[in-house]
Amino acid sequence: MNIKAPNPAALGLAGFALTTWLLNMINAGWFSANSMGMVLPVGTIIQEVDVTVTVAEGLRGAWKQAAAIARCRAYG
């Protein structure tokens, strides 16, 4: 079974784009400066999710490497 790993970079870039877009709407005057409260939670949540995905992928890679080493030792 060959499982394709997700790419955490896409989530990070999407989060960066979303927070930049929200800040530009405030700078353009579409929202008041008091709306900064909507940008910070979005950026924080997306960053936490991106870090979680990255850590999970790192652990997945470590387990795959450990399994490959165990197979090499088992078969000589």
C-alpha atoms as a PDB file:
ATOM      1  CA  MET A   1       0.000   0.000   0.000  1.00  0.00           C
ATOM      2  CA  ASN A   2       1.544   3.253  -1.148  1.00  0.00           C
ATOM      3  CA  ILE A   3       0.170   6.268   0.730  1.00  0.00           C
ATOM      4  CA  LYS A   4       1.001   9.719  -0.599  1.00  0.00           C
ATOM      5  CA  ALA A   5       2.036  12.109   2.168  1.00  0.00           C
ATOM      6  CA  PRO A   6       0.290  15.489   2.431  1.00  0.00           C
ATOM      7  CA  ASN A   7       2.346  18.604   1.862  1.00  0.00           C
ATOM      8  CA  PRO A   8       2.342  20.960   4.900  1.00  0.00           C
ATOM      9  CA  ALA A   9       3.871  23.752   2.809  1.00  0.00           C
ATOM     10  CA  ALA A  10       0.579  24.289   0.991  1.00  0.00           C
ATOM     11  CA  LEU A  11      -1.226  24.854   4.292  1.00  0.00           C
ATOM     12  CA  GLY A  12       1.447  27.306   5.442  1.00  0.00           C
ATOM     13  CA  LEU A  13       1.288  29.275   2.205  1.00  0.00           C
ATOM     14  CA  ALA A  14      -2.512  29.357   2.323  1.00  0.00           C
ATOM     15  CA  GLY A  15      -2.389  30.653   5.901  1.00  0.00           C
ATOM     16  CA  PHE A  16       0.124  33.334   4.949  1.00  0.00           C
ATOM     17  CA  ALA A  17      -2.030  34.366   1.986  1.00  0.00           C
ATOM     18  CA  LEU A  18      -5.186  34.533   4.109  1.00  0.00           C
ATOM     19  CA  THR A  19      -3.637  36.660   6.858  1.00  0.00           C
ATOM     20  CA  THR A  20      -2.022  38.966   4.265  1.00  0.00           C
ATOM     21  CA  TRP A  21      -5.361  39.332   2.498  1.00  0.00           C
ATOM     22  CA  LEU A  22      -7.123  40.168   5.779  1.00  0.00           C
ATOM     23  CA  LEU A  23      -4.469  42.769   6.670  1.00  0.00           C
ATOM     24  CA  ASN A  24      -4.739  44.337   3.207  1.00  0.00           C
ATOM     25  CA  MET A  25      -8.516  44.675   3.615  1.00  0.00           C
ATOM     26  CA  ILE A  26      -7.891  46.591   6.853  1.00  0.00           C
ATOM     27  CA  ASN A  27      -5.233  48.764   5.158  1.00  0.00           C
ATOM     28  CA  ALA A  28      -7.595  49.461   2.236  1.00  0.00           C
ATOM     29  CA  GLY A  29     -10.177  50.780   4.679  1.00  0.00           C
ATOM     30  CA  TRP A  30     -12.753  48.054   4.037  1.00  0.00           C
ATOM     31  CA  PHE A  31     -12.625  47.271   7.762  1.00  0.00           C
ATOM     32  CA  SER A  32     -11.641  49.497  10.658  1.00  0.00           C
ATOM     33  CA  ALA A  33      -8.374  49.095  12.557  1.00  0.00           C
ATOM     34  CA  ASN A  34     -10.430  47.564  15.364  1.00  0.00           C
ATOM     35  CA  SER A  35     -10.852  44.523  13.108  1.00  0.00           C
ATOM     36  CA  MET A  36      -7.263  43.485  13.786  1.00  0.00           C
ATOM     37  CA  GLY A  37      -8.796  41.036  16.244  1.00  0.00           C
ATOM     38  CA  MET A  38      -9.965  38.901  13.326  1.00  0.00           C
ATOM     39  CA  VAL A  39      -6.471  38.599  11.813  1.00  0.00           C
ATOM     40  CA  LEU A  40      -4.504  37.429  14.840  1.00  0.00           C
ATOM     41  CA  PRO A  41      -6.652  34.378  15.712  1.00  0.00           C
ATOM     42  CA  VAL A  42      -6.707  33.236  12.067  1.00  0.00           C
ATOM     43  CA  GLY A  43      -2.917  33.471  11.798  1.00  0.00           C
ATOM     44  CA  THR A  44      -2.407  31.738  15.142  1.00  0.00           C
ATOM     45  CA  ILE A  45      -4.767  28.853  14.382  1.00  0.00           C
ATOM     46  CA  ILE A  46      -3.300  28.237  10.933  1.00  0.00           C
ATOM     47  CA  GLN A  47       0.247  28.355  12.296  1.00  0.00           C
ATOM     48  CA  GLU A  48      -0.608  25.818  15.015  1.00  0.00           C
ATOM     49  CA  VAL A  49      -2.216  23.471  12.482  1.00  0.00           C
ATOM     50  CA  ASP A  50       0.778  23.804  10.150  1.00  0.00           C
ATOM     51  CA  VAL A  51       3.231  23.010  12.952  1.00  0.00           C
ATOM     52  CA  THR A  52       1.115  20.007  13.991  1.00  0.00           C
ATOM     53  CA  VAL A  53       1.069  18.646  10.435  1.00  0.00           C
ATOM     54  CA  THR A  54       4.827  19.174  10.100  1.00  0.00           C
ATOM     55  CA  VAL A  55       5.541  17.350  13.369  1.00  0.00           C
ATOM     56  CA  ALA A  56       3.223  14.501  12.378  1.00  0.00           C
ATOM     57  CA  GLU A  57       5.000  14.130   9.028  1.00  0.00           C
ATOM     58  CA  GLY A  58       8.375  14.143  10.781  1.00  0.00           C
ATOM     59  CA  LEU A  59       7.246  11.355  13.097  1.00  0.00           C
ATOM     60  CA  ARG A  60       5.871   9.429  10.134  1.00  0.00           C
ATOM     61  CA  GLY A  61       9.241   9.694   8.427  1.00  0.00           C
ATOM     62  CA  ALA A  62      11.049   8.530  11.556  1.00  0.00           C
ATOM     63  CA  TRP A  63       8.809   5.458  11.811  1.00  0.00           C
ATOM     64  CA  LYS A  64       9.354   4.657   8.127  1.00  0.00           C
ATOM     65  CA  GLN A  65      13.109   4.917   8.606  1.00  0.00           C
ATOM     66  CA  ALA A  66      13.003   2.706  11.705  1.00  0.00           C
ATOM     67  CA  ALA A  67      10.972   0.133   9.804  1.00  0.00           C
ATOM     68  CA  ALA A  68      13.428   0.202   6.894  1.00  0.00           C
ATOM     69  CA  ILE A  69      16.375  -0.302   9.247  1.00  0.00           C
ATOM     70  CA  ALA A  70      14.592  -3.177  10.985  1.00  0.00           C
ATOM     71  CA  ARG A  71      13.893  -4.826   7.593  1.00  0.00           C
ATOM     72  CA  CYS A  72      17.528  -4.443   6.552  1.00  0.00           C
ATOM     73  CA  ARG A  73      18.702  -6.044   9.799  1.00  0.00           C
ATOM     74  CA  ALA A  74      16.166  -8.854   9.501  1.00  0.00           C
ATOM     75  CA  TYR A  75      17.152  -9.771   5.955  1.00  0.00           C
ATOM     76  CA  GLY A  76      20.858  -9.321   6.423  1.00  0.00           C
END
